[in-house]
Amino acid sequence: MTRLPSQTAPAQADAQHIRHFERTGIASGSGRITALRIVCGCCEAAGYVPATAALRQGEPEAAIAAFGAHGWLVGATPAEDRCPACSRRSSSDRKQTTKGAGIMAAGPRKTTAKAATAKAANTTAITASPTVSEPQALQADLPPQMGRDDRRIIMEKLDDVYGDNAYGGSWTDTTVARDLNVPRAWVSEVREAFFGPEGSNPLLDRYGQEREEFERLHAGFMAARKSHCEAHDQLVKMAMDISKKADEINRLGKRVERELG
């Protein structure tokens, strides 16, 4: 796949902001290999490239080039990363905006029947051509499929941490996925099929309740503090006004003593 021309700008930004990509394991044939993972900051689609020797050395330029070769637009931050589909959509939107601005600036013009027919044919050809390669581009971005060994490992882990229709301790789908270095969707799929709902975790419930109570107390404290500070400011202003008035009365009293004896 030809690398997108717009890839140059993010690569230059990367010189100032070094990018690091998550390492994860993906299924490859009958085994698993280490790969680098990138997530689209727009639609959250994931892309993977095998961690070659150059990529394992941690060179950011090599990783950016590898993702760019698959049509990814690598930004200066993860939020600016775009998958091939979103990159093409963004580019198409910019072209349509520029074209619309040019038409408005040029003003209305007459269109002959022949020109209208040619334009319609051209538009049909342009909109139809991307559909040929679209499935292939999206197929490269799909997450790895769960294999038999992956399912067995996840089930063994769930046997240890799941019971009574709920996780035990601080375990969740997310923590299990992180512990096994597998996608969270795999864990959720196995749990729903063979164990039950994610359920309520007593430790997390306690944490949520205590945090909610703390936030309520903290909000009350901040409101009382604000009211106290406002009252303090009013008292300080009142004290300054009284002191100023007292000075005026003292000056007036001294004048009375001088002039009236």
C-alpha atoms as a PDB file:
ATOM      1  CA  MET A   1       0.000   0.000   0.000  1.00  0.00           C
ATOM      2  CA  THR A   2       1.344   3.391  -0.966  1.00  0.00           C
ATOM      3  CA  ARG A   3       2.154   5.605   1.961  1.00  0.00           C
ATOM      4  CA  LEU A   4      -0.081   8.665   2.266  1.00  0.00           C
ATOM      5  CA  PRO A   5       1.576  12.011   1.433  1.00  0.00           C
ATOM      6  CA  SER A   6       0.096  13.611   4.557  1.00  0.00           C
ATOM      7  CA  GLN A   7       2.211  11.279   6.668  1.00  0.00           C
ATOM      8  CA  THR A   8       5.124  13.738   6.441  1.00  0.00           C
ATOM      9  CA  ALA A   9       3.675  16.273   8.866  1.00  0.00           C
ATOM     10  CA  PRO A  10       3.051  13.844  11.766  1.00  0.00           C
ATOM     11  CA  ALA A  11       6.498  12.354  11.265  1.00  0.00           C
ATOM     12  CA  GLN A  12       8.039  15.807  11.669  1.00  0.00           C
ATOM     13  CA  ALA A  13       5.943  16.424  14.772  1.00  0.00           C
ATOM     14  CA  ASP A  14       7.232  13.123  16.125  1.00  0.00           C
ATOM     15  CA  ALA A  15      10.747  14.520  16.190  1.00  0.00           C
ATOM     16  CA  GLN A  16       9.685  16.761  19.052  1.00  0.00           C
ATOM     17  CA  HIS A  17       7.170  14.339  20.650  1.00  0.00           C
ATOM     18  CA  ILE A  18       8.594  10.794  20.646  1.00  0.00           C
ATOM     19  CA  ARG A  19       5.778   8.299  20.132  1.00  0.00           C
ATOM     20  CA  HIS A  20       5.585   4.973  21.930  1.00  0.00           C
ATOM     21  CA  PHE A  21       3.218   2.221  20.835  1.00  0.00           C
ATOM     22  CA  GLU A  22       1.711  -0.521  22.993  1.00  0.00           C
ATOM     23  CA  ARG A  23       3.237  -3.982  22.631  1.00  0.00           C
ATOM     24  CA  THR A  24       0.786  -6.870  22.669  1.00  0.00           C
ATOM     25  CA  GLY A  25       0.506 -10.450  21.568  1.00  0.00           C
ATOM     26  CA  ILE A  26      -1.520 -11.437  18.495  1.00  0.00           C
ATOM     27  CA  ALA A  27      -2.375 -14.778  16.938  1.00  0.00           C
ATOM     28  CA  SER A  28      -0.253 -15.752  13.966  1.00  0.00           C
ATOM     29  CA  GLY A  29      -0.817 -19.149  12.412  1.00  0.00           C
ATOM     30  CA  SER A  30      -0.625 -21.743  15.177  1.00  0.00           C
ATOM     31  CA  GLY A  31       1.200 -19.487  17.653  1.00  0.00           C
ATOM     32  CA  ARG A  32       1.415 -15.931  18.919  1.00  0.00           C
ATOM     33  CA  ILE A  33       3.808 -13.128  18.027  1.00  0.00           C
ATOM     34  CA  THR A  34       4.598  -9.753  19.526  1.00  0.00           C
ATOM     35  CA  ALA A  35       3.129  -6.774  17.679  1.00  0.00           C
ATOM     36  CA  LEU A  36       2.788  -3.021  18.058  1.00  0.00           C
ATOM     37  CA  ARG A  37      -0.745  -1.681  18.460  1.00  0.00           C
ATOM     38  CA  ILE A  38      -2.227   1.651  17.351  1.00  0.00           C
ATOM     39  CA  VAL A  39      -5.765   2.900  18.014  1.00  0.00           C
ATOM     40  CA  CYS A  40      -7.659   5.414  15.873  1.00  0.00           C
ATOM     41  CA  GLY A  41      -8.371   8.588  17.824  1.00  0.00           C
ATOM     42  CA  CYS A  42     -11.635   9.016  15.883  1.00  0.00           C
ATOM     43  CA  CYS A  43     -13.407   5.627  15.584  1.00  0.00           C
ATOM     44  CA  GLU A  44     -11.174   3.602  18.023  1.00  0.00           C
ATOM     45  CA  ALA A  45     -10.365   0.963  15.398  1.00  0.00           C
ATOM     46  CA  ALA A  46      -7.124  -0.902  16.181  1.00  0.00           C
ATOM     47  CA  GLY A  47      -4.226  -1.732  13.900  1.00  0.00           C
ATOM     48  CA  TYR A  48      -1.276  -4.091  14.425  1.00  0.00           C
ATOM     49  CA  VAL A  49       2.165  -4.550  12.868  1.00  0.00           C
ATOM     50  CA  PRO A  50       4.543  -7.386  13.787  1.00  0.00           C
ATOM     51  CA  ALA A  51       7.403  -6.221  16.010  1.00  0.00           C
ATOM     52  CA  THR A  52      10.384  -6.704  13.690  1.00  0.00           C
ATOM     53  CA  ALA A  53      13.996  -6.296  14.792  1.00  0.00           C
ATOM     54  CA  ALA A  54      13.976  -2.620  13.796  1.00  0.00           C
ATOM     55  CA  LEU A  55      10.767  -2.000  15.747  1.00  0.00           C
ATOM     56  CA  ARG A  56      12.018  -3.885  18.807  1.00  0.00           C
ATOM     57  CA  GLN A  57      14.953  -1.473  19.011  1.00  0.00           C
ATOM     58  CA  GLY A  58      12.451   1.218  19.899  1.00  0.00           C
ATOM     59  CA  GLU A  59      13.050   3.518  16.917  1.00  0.00           C
ATOM     60  CA  PRO A  60       9.876   5.666  16.636  1.00  0.00           C
ATOM     61  CA  GLU A  61      10.534   6.477  12.976  1.00  0.00           C
ATOM     62  CA  ALA A  62      10.472   2.780  12.074  1.00  0.00           C
ATOM     63  CA  ALA A  63       7.155   2.216  13.864  1.00  0.00           C
ATOM     64  CA  ILE A  64       5.609   5.298  12.236  1.00  0.00           C
ATOM     65  CA  ALA A  65       6.784   4.132   8.804  1.00  0.00           C
ATOM     66  CA  ALA A  66       5.365   0.643   9.424  1.00  0.00           C
ATOM     67  CA  PHE A  67       1.928   1.960  10.318  1.00  0.00           C
ATOM     68  CA  GLY A  68       2.085   4.505   7.497  1.00  0.00           C
ATOM     69  CA  ALA A  69       2.739   1.699   5.019  1.00  0.00           C
ATOM     70  CA  HIS A  70      -0.649   0.250   6.011  1.00  0.00           C
ATOM     71  CA  GLY A  71      -2.405   3.571   5.419  1.00  0.00           C
ATOM     72  CA  TRP A  72      -2.409   4.837   9.006  1.00  0.00           C
ATOM     73  CA  LEU A  73      -1.968   8.551   9.712  1.00  0.00           C
ATOM     74  CA  VAL A  74       0.282   8.768  12.803  1.00  0.00           C
ATOM     75  CA  GLY A  75      -0.113  12.013  14.726  1.00  0.00           C
ATOM     76  CA  ALA A  76       2.026  13.712  17.350  1.00  0.00           C
ATOM     77  CA  THR A  77      -0.246  12.238  20.061  1.00  0.00           C
ATOM     78  CA  PRO A  78      -2.438   9.093  20.197  1.00  0.00           C
ATOM     79  CA  ALA A  79      -5.574  11.270  19.951  1.00  0.00           C
ATOM     80  CA  GLU A  80      -4.403  12.465  16.504  1.00  0.00           C
ATOM     81  CA  ASP A  81      -3.888   8.951  15.060  1.00  0.00           C
ATOM     82  CA  ARG A  82      -6.276   8.093  12.212  1.00  0.00           C
ATOM     83  CA  CYS A  83      -7.049   4.739  10.620  1.00  0.00           C
ATOM     84  CA  PRO A  84      -7.072   4.475   6.802  1.00  0.00           C
ATOM     85  CA  ALA A  85     -10.872   4.830   6.630  1.00  0.00           C
ATOM     86  CA  CYS A  86     -11.007   7.950   8.840  1.00  0.00           C
ATOM     87  CA  SER A  87      -7.958   9.386   7.061  1.00  0.00           C
ATOM     88  CA  ARG A  88      -9.638   9.024   3.679  1.00  0.00           C
ATOM     89  CA  ARG A  89     -12.904  10.414   5.035  1.00  0.00           C
ATOM     90  CA  SER A  90     -11.116  13.435   6.517  1.00  0.00           C
ATOM     91  CA  SER A  91      -9.253  14.034   3.265  1.00  0.00           C
ATOM     92  CA  SER A  92     -12.509  13.746   1.302  1.00  0.00           C
ATOM     93  CA  ASP A  93     -14.235  16.240   3.621  1.00  0.00           C
ATOM     94  CA  ARG A  94     -11.406  18.738   3.152  1.00  0.00           C
ATOM     95  CA  LYS A  95     -11.594  18.379  -0.641  1.00  0.00           C
ATOM     96  CA  GLN A  96     -15.374  18.854  -0.635  1.00  0.00           C
ATOM     97  CA  THR A  97     -15.040  21.955   1.576  1.00  0.00           C
ATOM     98  CA  THR A  98     -12.366  23.460  -0.700  1.00  0.00           C
ATOM     99  CA  LYS A  99     -14.381  22.630  -3.807  1.00  0.00           C
ATOM    100  CA  GLY A 100     -17.526  24.164  -2.327  1.00  0.00           C
ATOM    101  CA  ALA A 101     -15.664  27.340  -1.383  1.00  0.00           C
ATOM    102  CA  GLY A 102     -14.280  27.619  -4.914  1.00  0.00           C
ATOM    103  CA  ILE A 103     -17.725  27.209  -6.466  1.00  0.00           C
ATOM    104  CA  MET A 104     -19.217  29.880  -4.192  1.00  0.00           C
ATOM    105  CA  ALA A 105     -16.377  32.293  -5.026  1.00  0.00           C
ATOM    106  CA  ALA A 106     -16.724  31.714  -8.774  1.00  0.00           C
ATOM    107  CA  GLY A 107     -20.489  32.310  -8.721  1.00  0.00           C
ATOM    108  CA  PRO A 108     -23.198  30.480 -10.711  1.00  0.00           C
ATOM    109  CA  ARG A 109     -22.515  29.350 -14.232  1.00  0.00           C
ATOM    110  CA  LYS A 110     -24.521  27.704 -16.959  1.00  0.00           C
ATOM    111  CA  THR A 111     -24.201  23.982 -17.454  1.00  0.00           C
ATOM    112  CA  THR A 112     -25.035  22.300 -20.708  1.00  0.00           C
ATOM    113  CA  ALA A 113     -26.811  18.957 -20.855  1.00  0.00           C
ATOM    114  CA  LYS A 114     -23.693  17.323 -22.278  1.00  0.00           C
ATOM    115  CA  ALA A 115     -21.480  18.675 -19.503  1.00  0.00           C
ATOM    116  CA  ALA A 116     -23.994  17.570 -16.861  1.00  0.00           C
ATOM    117  CA  THR A 117     -24.025  14.033 -18.279  1.00  0.00           C
ATOM    118  CA  ALA A 118     -20.213  13.876 -18.319  1.00  0.00           C
ATOM    119  CA  LYS A 119     -20.065  15.188 -14.761  1.00  0.00           C
ATOM    120  CA  ALA A 120     -22.563  12.577 -13.528  1.00  0.00           C
ATOM    121  CA  ALA A 121     -20.582   9.775 -15.181  1.00  0.00           C
ATOM    122  CA  ASN A 122     -17.348  11.071 -13.686  1.00  0.00           C
ATOM    123  CA  THR A 123     -18.917  11.304 -10.207  1.00  0.00           C
ATOM    124  CA  THR A 124     -20.192   7.733 -10.457  1.00  0.00           C
ATOM    125  CA  ALA A 125     -16.728   6.485 -11.400  1.00  0.00           C
ATOM    126  CA  ILE A 126     -15.083   8.370  -8.543  1.00  0.00           C
ATOM    127  CA  THR A 127     -17.512   7.189  -5.856  1.00  0.00           C
ATOM    128  CA  ALA A 128     -17.503   3.588  -7.072  1.00  0.00           C
ATOM    129  CA  SER A 129     -13.745   3.072  -7.270  1.00  0.00           C
ATOM    130  CA  PRO A 130     -12.942   3.080  -3.508  1.00  0.00           C
ATOM    131  CA  THR A 131     -15.399   0.231  -2.831  1.00  0.00           C
ATOM    132  CA  VAL A 132     -13.033  -2.242  -4.481  1.00  0.00           C
ATOM    133  CA  SER A 133     -10.217  -1.796  -1.965  1.00  0.00           C
ATOM    134  CA  GLU A 134     -12.361  -0.816   1.047  1.00  0.00           C
ATOM    135  CA  PRO A 135     -12.851  -4.357   2.448  1.00  0.00           C
ATOM    136  CA  GLN A 136      -9.136  -5.074   2.096  1.00  0.00           C
ATOM    137  CA  ALA A 137      -8.146  -1.902   3.961  1.00  0.00           C
ATOM    138  CA  LEU A 138     -10.636  -2.525   6.776  1.00  0.00           C
ATOM    139  CA  GLN A 139      -9.621  -6.171   7.034  1.00  0.00           C
ATOM    140  CA  ALA A 140      -6.065  -5.135   7.961  1.00  0.00           C
ATOM    141  CA  ASP A 141      -7.427  -3.092  10.895  1.00  0.00           C
ATOM    142  CA  LEU A 142      -9.557  -5.835  12.470  1.00  0.00           C
ATOM    143  CA  PRO A 143      -8.297  -7.111  15.861  1.00  0.00           C
ATOM    144  CA  PRO A 144      -6.838 -10.637  16.003  1.00  0.00           C
ATOM    145  CA  GLN A 145      -9.301 -13.485  16.315  1.00  0.00           C
ATOM    146  CA  MET A 146      -9.374 -15.533  19.521  1.00  0.00           C
ATOM    147  CA  GLY A 147      -7.895 -18.981  19.081  1.00  0.00           C
ATOM    148  CA  ARG A 148      -8.517 -22.223  20.959  1.00  0.00           C
ATOM    149  CA  ASP A 149      -5.466 -21.772  23.186  1.00  0.00           C
ATOM    150  CA  ASP A 150      -6.478 -18.192  23.956  1.00  0.00           C
ATOM    151  CA  ARG A 151      -9.957 -19.318  24.995  1.00  0.00           C
ATOM    152  CA  ARG A 152      -8.522 -22.064  27.232  1.00  0.00           C
ATOM    153  CA  ILE A 153      -6.119 -19.648  28.984  1.00  0.00           C
ATOM    154  CA  ILE A 154      -8.915 -17.127  29.609  1.00  0.00           C
ATOM    155  CA  MET A 155     -11.213 -19.831  31.007  1.00  0.00           C
ATOM    156  CA  GLU A 156      -8.500 -21.051  33.389  1.00  0.00           C
ATOM    157  CA  LYS A 157      -7.994 -17.514  34.654  1.00  0.00           C
ATOM    158  CA  LEU A 158     -11.740 -16.963  35.099  1.00  0.00           C
ATOM    159  CA  ASP A 159     -11.962 -20.203  37.062  1.00  0.00           C
ATOM    160  CA  ASP A 160      -9.584 -18.636  39.597  1.00  0.00           C
ATOM    161  CA  VAL A 161     -11.070 -15.139  39.882  1.00  0.00           C
ATOM    162  CA  TYR A 162     -14.795 -15.532  39.078  1.00  0.00           C
ATOM    163  CA  GLY A 163     -17.485 -17.094  41.268  1.00  0.00           C
ATOM    164  CA  ASP A 164     -21.055 -16.636  42.557  1.00  0.00           C
ATOM    165  CA  ASN A 165     -22.024 -14.673  39.434  1.00  0.00           C
ATOM    166  CA  ALA A 166     -19.434 -11.986  40.141  1.00  0.00           C
ATOM    167  CA  TYR A 167     -15.700 -11.356  40.112  1.00  0.00           C
ATOM    168  CA  GLY A 168     -13.788 -11.789  43.341  1.00  0.00           C
ATOM    169  CA  GLY A 169     -11.395  -9.282  44.852  1.00  0.00           C
ATOM    170  CA  SER A 170     -10.512  -6.408  42.540  1.00  0.00           C
ATOM    171  CA  TRP A 171     -10.811  -8.425  39.316  1.00  0.00           C
ATOM    172  CA  THR A 172     -12.798  -7.155  36.326  1.00  0.00           C
ATOM    173  CA  ASP A 173     -12.820  -7.869  32.591  1.00  0.00           C
ATOM    174  CA  THR A 174     -10.273  -5.088  32.190  1.00  0.00           C
ATOM    175  CA  THR A 175      -7.849  -6.356  34.843  1.00  0.00           C
ATOM    176  CA  VAL A 176      -8.057  -9.937  33.548  1.00  0.00           C
ATOM    177  CA  ALA A 177      -7.354  -8.754  29.998  1.00  0.00           C
ATOM    178  CA  ARG A 178      -4.400  -6.713  31.237  1.00  0.00           C
ATOM    179  CA  ASP A 179      -3.055  -9.654  33.251  1.00  0.00           C
ATOM    180  CA  LEU A 180      -3.237 -12.034  30.276  1.00  0.00           C
ATOM    181  CA  ASN A 181      -2.249  -9.397  27.697  1.00  0.00           C
ATOM    182  CA  VAL A 182      -5.296 -10.126  25.550  1.00  0.00           C
ATOM    183  CA  PRO A 183      -8.097  -7.884  24.225  1.00  0.00           C
ATOM    184  CA  ARG A 184     -10.816  -7.102  26.752  1.00  0.00           C
ATOM    185  CA  ALA A 185     -13.472  -8.215  24.256  1.00  0.00           C
ATOM    186  CA  TRP A 186     -12.086 -11.763  24.399  1.00  0.00           C
ATOM    187  CA  VAL A 187     -12.484 -11.883  28.183  1.00  0.00           C
ATOM    188  CA  SER A 188     -16.025 -10.486  28.009  1.00  0.00           C
ATOM    189  CA  GLU A 189     -16.983 -13.033  25.342  1.00  0.00           C
ATOM    190  CA  VAL A 190     -15.716 -16.042  27.324  1.00  0.00           C
ATOM    191  CA  ARG A 191     -17.221 -14.785  30.601  1.00  0.00           C
ATOM    192  CA  GLU A 192     -20.664 -14.185  29.056  1.00  0.00           C
ATOM    193  CA  ALA A 193     -20.664 -17.596  27.334  1.00  0.00           C
ATOM    194  CA  PHE A 194     -19.398 -19.833  30.163  1.00  0.00           C
ATOM    195  CA  PHE A 195     -19.559 -17.982  33.495  1.00  0.00           C
ATOM    196  CA  GLY A 196     -22.171 -15.249  33.737  1.00  0.00           C
ATOM    197  CA  PRO A 197     -22.553 -11.467  33.946  1.00  0.00           C
ATOM    198  CA  GLU A 198     -19.673  -9.282  34.993  1.00  0.00           C
ATOM    199  CA  GLY A 199     -21.549  -8.814  38.248  1.00  0.00           C
ATOM    200  CA  SER A 200     -20.940  -6.500  41.134  1.00  0.00           C
ATOM    201  CA  ASN A 201     -17.526  -6.452  42.760  1.00  0.00           C
ATOM    202  CA  PRO A 202     -17.807  -5.880  46.548  1.00  0.00           C
ATOM    203  CA  LEU A 203     -14.452  -4.105  46.719  1.00  0.00           C
ATOM    204  CA  LEU A 204     -15.321  -1.816  43.827  1.00  0.00           C
ATOM    205  CA  ASP A 205     -18.772  -1.196  45.305  1.00  0.00           C
ATOM    206  CA  ARG A 206     -17.190  -0.168  48.597  1.00  0.00           C
ATOM    207  CA  TYR A 207     -14.736   2.068  46.791  1.00  0.00           C
ATOM    208  CA  GLY A 208     -17.545   3.705  44.832  1.00  0.00           C
ATOM    209  CA  GLN A 209     -19.661   4.311  47.926  1.00  0.00           C
ATOM    210  CA  GLU A 210     -16.801   5.749  49.971  1.00  0.00           C
ATOM    211  CA  ARG A 211     -15.672   7.909  47.070  1.00  0.00           C
ATOM    212  CA  GLU A 212     -19.211   9.210  46.603  1.00  0.00           C
ATOM    213  CA  GLU A 213     -19.422  10.013  50.341  1.00  0.00           C
ATOM    214  CA  PHE A 214     -16.047  11.756  50.220  1.00  0.00           C
ATOM    215  CA  GLU A 215     -17.049  13.842  47.208  1.00  0.00           C
ATOM    216  CA  ARG A 216     -20.255  14.884  48.983  1.00  0.00           C
ATOM    217  CA  LEU A 217     -18.342  15.909  52.129  1.00  0.00           C
ATOM    218  CA  HIS A 218     -15.695  17.672  50.075  1.00  0.00           C
ATOM    219  CA  ALA A 219     -18.350  19.601  48.120  1.00  0.00           C
ATOM    220  CA  GLY A 220     -19.969  20.691  51.411  1.00  0.00           C
ATOM    221  CA  PHE A 221     -16.615  21.753  52.803  1.00  0.00           C
ATOM    222  CA  MET A 222     -15.755  23.788  49.711  1.00  0.00           C
ATOM    223  CA  ALA A 223     -19.162  25.505  49.791  1.00  0.00           C
ATOM    224  CA  ALA A 224     -18.736  26.361  53.507  1.00  0.00           C
ATOM    225  CA  ARG A 225     -15.171  27.545  52.850  1.00  0.00           C
ATOM    226  CA  LYS A 226     -16.358  29.803  50.034  1.00  0.00           C
ATOM    227  CA  SER A 227     -19.086  31.268  52.243  1.00  0.00           C
ATOM    228  CA  HIS A 228     -16.591  31.788  55.079  1.00  0.00           C
ATOM    229  CA  CYS A 229     -14.081  33.502  52.782  1.00  0.00           C
ATOM    230  CA  GLU A 230     -16.775  35.799  51.416  1.00  0.00           C
ATOM    231  CA  ALA A 231     -17.871  36.704  54.970  1.00  0.00           C
ATOM    232  CA  HIS A 232     -14.224  37.271  55.949  1.00  0.00           C
ATOM    233  CA  ASP A 233     -13.722  39.610  52.996  1.00  0.00           C
ATOM    234  CA  GLN A 234     -16.819  41.564  53.994  1.00  0.00           C
ATOM    235  CA  LEU A 235     -15.562  41.877  57.599  1.00  0.00           C
ATOM    236  CA  VAL A 236     -12.149  43.066  56.411  1.00  0.00           C
ATOM    237  CA  LYS A 237     -13.775  45.711  54.194  1.00  0.00           C
ATOM    238  CA  MET A 238     -16.028  46.785  57.056  1.00  0.00           C
ATOM    239  CA  ALA A 239     -13.028  47.078  59.395  1.00  0.00           C
ATOM    240  CA  MET A 240     -11.170  49.228  56.861  1.00  0.00           C
ATOM    241  CA  ASP A 241     -14.223  51.495  56.433  1.00  0.00           C
ATOM    242  CA  ILE A 242     -14.556  51.880  60.227  1.00  0.00           C
ATOM    243  CA  SER A 243     -10.839  52.669  60.579  1.00  0.00           C
ATOM    244  CA  LYS A 244     -11.090  55.282  57.821  1.00  0.00           C
ATOM    245  CA  LYS A 245     -14.156  56.840  59.497  1.00  0.00           C
ATOM    246  CA  ALA A 246     -12.347  56.904  62.874  1.00  0.00           C
ATOM    247  CA  ASP A 247      -9.400  58.779  61.310  1.00  0.00           C
ATOM    248  CA  GLU A 248     -11.790  61.366  59.846  1.00  0.00           C
ATOM    249  CA  ILE A 249     -13.468  61.883  63.255  1.00  0.00           C
ATOM    250  CA  ASN A 250     -10.066  62.273  64.968  1.00  0.00           C
ATOM    251  CA  ARG A 251      -8.986  64.914  62.435  1.00  0.00           C
ATOM    252  CA  LEU A 252     -12.297  66.731  62.882  1.00  0.00           C
ATOM    253  CA  GLY A 253     -11.892  66.651  66.711  1.00  0.00           C
ATOM    254  CA  LYS A 254      -8.392  68.171  66.536  1.00  0.00           C
ATOM    255  CA  ARG A 255      -9.717  70.938  64.293  1.00  0.00           C
ATOM    256  CA  VAL A 256     -12.451  71.698  66.850  1.00  0.00           C
ATOM    257  CA  GLU A 257      -9.838  71.964  69.600  1.00  0.00           C
ATOM    258  CA  ARG A 258      -7.701  74.363  67.546  1.00  0.00           C
ATOM    259  CA  GLU A 259     -10.500  76.639  66.371  1.00  0.00           C
ATOM    260  CA  LEU A 260     -12.848  76.622  69.377  1.00  0.00           C
ATOM    261  CA  GLY A 261     -10.282  76.191  72.147  1.00  0.00           C
END
